[in-house]
Amino acid sequence: MFDSNSLIGIQWQLAKSRLQAAHIPFKVMIGGSFNRFFEISDKGFYVARITKVDECLHILLYRPMIASDFGYSIEVDYAIEIILP
């Protein structure tokens, strides 16, 4: 049995290929971005929400946020050293 929850958060192209391989009918909706703090990519989509309507999956997609330099801060490096051996 196919678990549609396993598709949430992954890139749309990968999710789409999995749905097509499993012969699962789906409809796609693209959500608008209301984010005012981060830049939004103009390429690609990711799966944000899936609802089942009758025998069809309704899939809501969003464009990803562009990564900032947050991952390179001293605090994050410190946390990685503590958490990862």
C-alpha atoms as a PDB file:
ATOM      1  CA  MET A   1       0.000   0.000   0.000  1.00  0.00           C
ATOM      2  CA  PHE A   2       1.226   3.495  -0.871  1.00  0.00           C
ATOM      3  CA  ASP A   3       1.620   5.973   2.011  1.00  0.00           C
ATOM      4  CA  SER A   4       0.971   9.464   0.641  1.00  0.00           C
ATOM      5  CA  ASN A   5       2.401  11.047   3.817  1.00  0.00           C
ATOM      6  CA  SER A   6       5.845   9.879   2.699  1.00  0.00           C
ATOM      7  CA  LEU A   7       5.676  12.498  -0.090  1.00  0.00           C
ATOM      8  CA  ILE A   8       5.287  15.535   2.157  1.00  0.00           C
ATOM      9  CA  GLY A   9       8.300  17.818   2.107  1.00  0.00           C
ATOM     10  CA  ILE A  10      10.018  16.281  -0.911  1.00  0.00           C
ATOM     11  CA  GLN A  11      10.615  17.784  -4.337  1.00  0.00           C
ATOM     12  CA  TRP A  12       7.626  17.656  -6.649  1.00  0.00           C
ATOM     13  CA  GLN A  13       9.442  15.897  -9.504  1.00  0.00           C
ATOM     14  CA  LEU A  14      10.325  12.980  -7.223  1.00  0.00           C
ATOM     15  CA  ALA A  15       6.822  12.837  -5.732  1.00  0.00           C
ATOM     16  CA  LYS A  16       5.246  12.970  -9.194  1.00  0.00           C
ATOM     17  CA  SER A  17       7.328  10.049 -10.462  1.00  0.00           C
ATOM     18  CA  ARG A  18       6.373   7.960  -7.413  1.00  0.00           C
ATOM     19  CA  LEU A  19       2.666   8.698  -7.906  1.00  0.00           C
ATOM     20  CA  GLN A  20       2.816   7.865 -11.581  1.00  0.00           C
ATOM     21  CA  ALA A  21       4.719   4.626 -10.927  1.00  0.00           C
ATOM     22  CA  ALA A  22       2.022   3.598  -8.422  1.00  0.00           C
ATOM     23  CA  HIS A  23      -0.777   4.599 -10.876  1.00  0.00           C
ATOM     24  CA  ILE A  24      -2.359   6.920  -8.329  1.00  0.00           C
ATOM     25  CA  PRO A  25      -4.589   9.690  -9.741  1.00  0.00           C
ATOM     26  CA  PHE A  26      -3.762  13.177  -8.493  1.00  0.00           C
ATOM     27  CA  LYS A  27      -4.525  16.851  -8.994  1.00  0.00           C
ATOM     28  CA  VAL A  28      -2.015  19.594  -8.327  1.00  0.00           C
ATOM     29  CA  MET A  29      -2.607  23.022  -6.803  1.00  0.00           C
ATOM     30  CA  ILE A  30       0.168  25.599  -6.489  1.00  0.00           C
ATOM     31  CA  GLY A  31       0.013  27.693  -3.351  1.00  0.00           C
ATOM     32  CA  GLY A  32       0.855  31.370  -3.288  1.00  0.00           C
ATOM     33  CA  SER A  33       3.671  32.626  -1.117  1.00  0.00           C
ATOM     34  CA  PHE A  34       2.802  35.055   1.666  1.00  0.00           C
ATOM     35  CA  ASN A  35       6.323  35.010   3.073  1.00  0.00           C
ATOM     36  CA  ARG A  36       7.707  38.519   3.583  1.00  0.00           C
ATOM     37  CA  PHE A  37      10.966  37.611   5.321  1.00  0.00           C
ATOM     38  CA  PHE A  38      12.781  35.203   2.979  1.00  0.00           C
ATOM     39  CA  GLU A  39      13.387  35.112  -0.732  1.00  0.00           C
ATOM     40  CA  ILE A  40      11.416  32.485  -2.623  1.00  0.00           C
ATOM     41  CA  SER A  41      12.978  30.407  -5.386  1.00  0.00           C
ATOM     42  CA  ASP A  42      11.573  30.737  -8.875  1.00  0.00           C
ATOM     43  CA  LYS A  43      12.561  27.132  -9.662  1.00  0.00           C
ATOM     44  CA  GLY A  44      11.091  23.869  -8.463  1.00  0.00           C
ATOM     45  CA  PHE A  45       8.313  22.972  -6.052  1.00  0.00           C
ATOM     46  CA  TYR A  46       7.951  20.841  -2.955  1.00  0.00           C
ATOM     47  CA  VAL A  47       4.934  18.958  -1.598  1.00  0.00           C
ATOM     48  CA  ALA A  48       3.305  20.837   1.281  1.00  0.00           C
ATOM     49  CA  ARG A  49      -0.005  19.036   1.843  1.00  0.00           C
ATOM     50  CA  ILE A  50      -1.914  16.052   0.518  1.00  0.00           C
ATOM     51  CA  THR A  51      -5.629  15.432   0.936  1.00  0.00           C
ATOM     52  CA  LYS A  52      -7.604  12.508  -0.417  1.00  0.00           C
ATOM     53  CA  VAL A  53     -10.833  13.332  -2.248  1.00  0.00           C
ATOM     54  CA  ASP A  54     -12.675  10.217  -3.371  1.00  0.00           C
ATOM     55  CA  GLU A  55      -9.951   8.150  -5.057  1.00  0.00           C
ATOM     56  CA  CYS A  56      -7.834  11.133  -6.090  1.00  0.00           C
ATOM     57  CA  LEU A  57      -5.036  12.862  -4.169  1.00  0.00           C
ATOM     58  CA  HIS A  58      -5.088  16.658  -4.129  1.00  0.00           C
ATOM     59  CA  ILE A  59      -1.533  17.869  -3.771  1.00  0.00           C
ATOM     60  CA  LEU A  60      -0.615  21.385  -2.663  1.00  0.00           C
ATOM     61  CA  LEU A  61       2.775  22.606  -3.858  1.00  0.00           C
ATOM     62  CA  TYR A  62       4.873  25.582  -2.828  1.00  0.00           C
ATOM     63  CA  ARG A  63       8.109  27.035  -4.102  1.00  0.00           C
ATOM     64  CA  PRO A  64      11.012  26.608  -1.654  1.00  0.00           C
ATOM     65  CA  MET A  65      12.620  29.428   0.275  1.00  0.00           C
ATOM     66  CA  ILE A  66      16.149  30.319  -0.758  1.00  0.00           C
ATOM     67  CA  ALA A  67      18.620  29.232   1.894  1.00  0.00           C
ATOM     68  CA  SER A  68      20.248  31.958   3.925  1.00  0.00           C
ATOM     69  CA  ASP A  69      23.666  31.904   5.583  1.00  0.00           C
ATOM     70  CA  PHE A  70      22.089  30.803   8.881  1.00  0.00           C
ATOM     71  CA  GLY A  71      23.715  27.378   8.646  1.00  0.00           C
ATOM     72  CA  TYR A  72      27.142  28.975   8.728  1.00  0.00           C
ATOM     73  CA  SER A  73      26.747  30.788  12.038  1.00  0.00           C
ATOM     74  CA  ILE A  74      28.980  30.066  15.013  1.00  0.00           C
ATOM     75  CA  GLU A  75      26.021  28.859  17.108  1.00  0.00           C
ATOM     76  CA  VAL A  76      25.065  26.237  14.540  1.00  0.00           C
ATOM     77  CA  ASP A  77      28.659  25.044  14.207  1.00  0.00           C
ATOM     78  CA  TYR A  78      28.842  24.745  18.002  1.00  0.00           C
ATOM     79  CA  ALA A  79      25.615  22.732  18.127  1.00  0.00           C
ATOM     80  CA  ILE A  80      26.856  20.386  15.386  1.00  0.00           C
ATOM     81  CA  GLU A  81      30.043  19.712  17.367  1.00  0.00           C
ATOM     82  CA  ILE A  82      28.032  18.849  20.472  1.00  0.00           C
ATOM     83  CA  ILE A  83      25.339  16.751  18.766  1.00  0.00           C
ATOM     84  CA  LEU A  84      27.463  14.916  16.198  1.00  0.00           C
ATOM     85  CA  PRO A  85      30.506  12.995  17.385  1.00  0.00           C
END
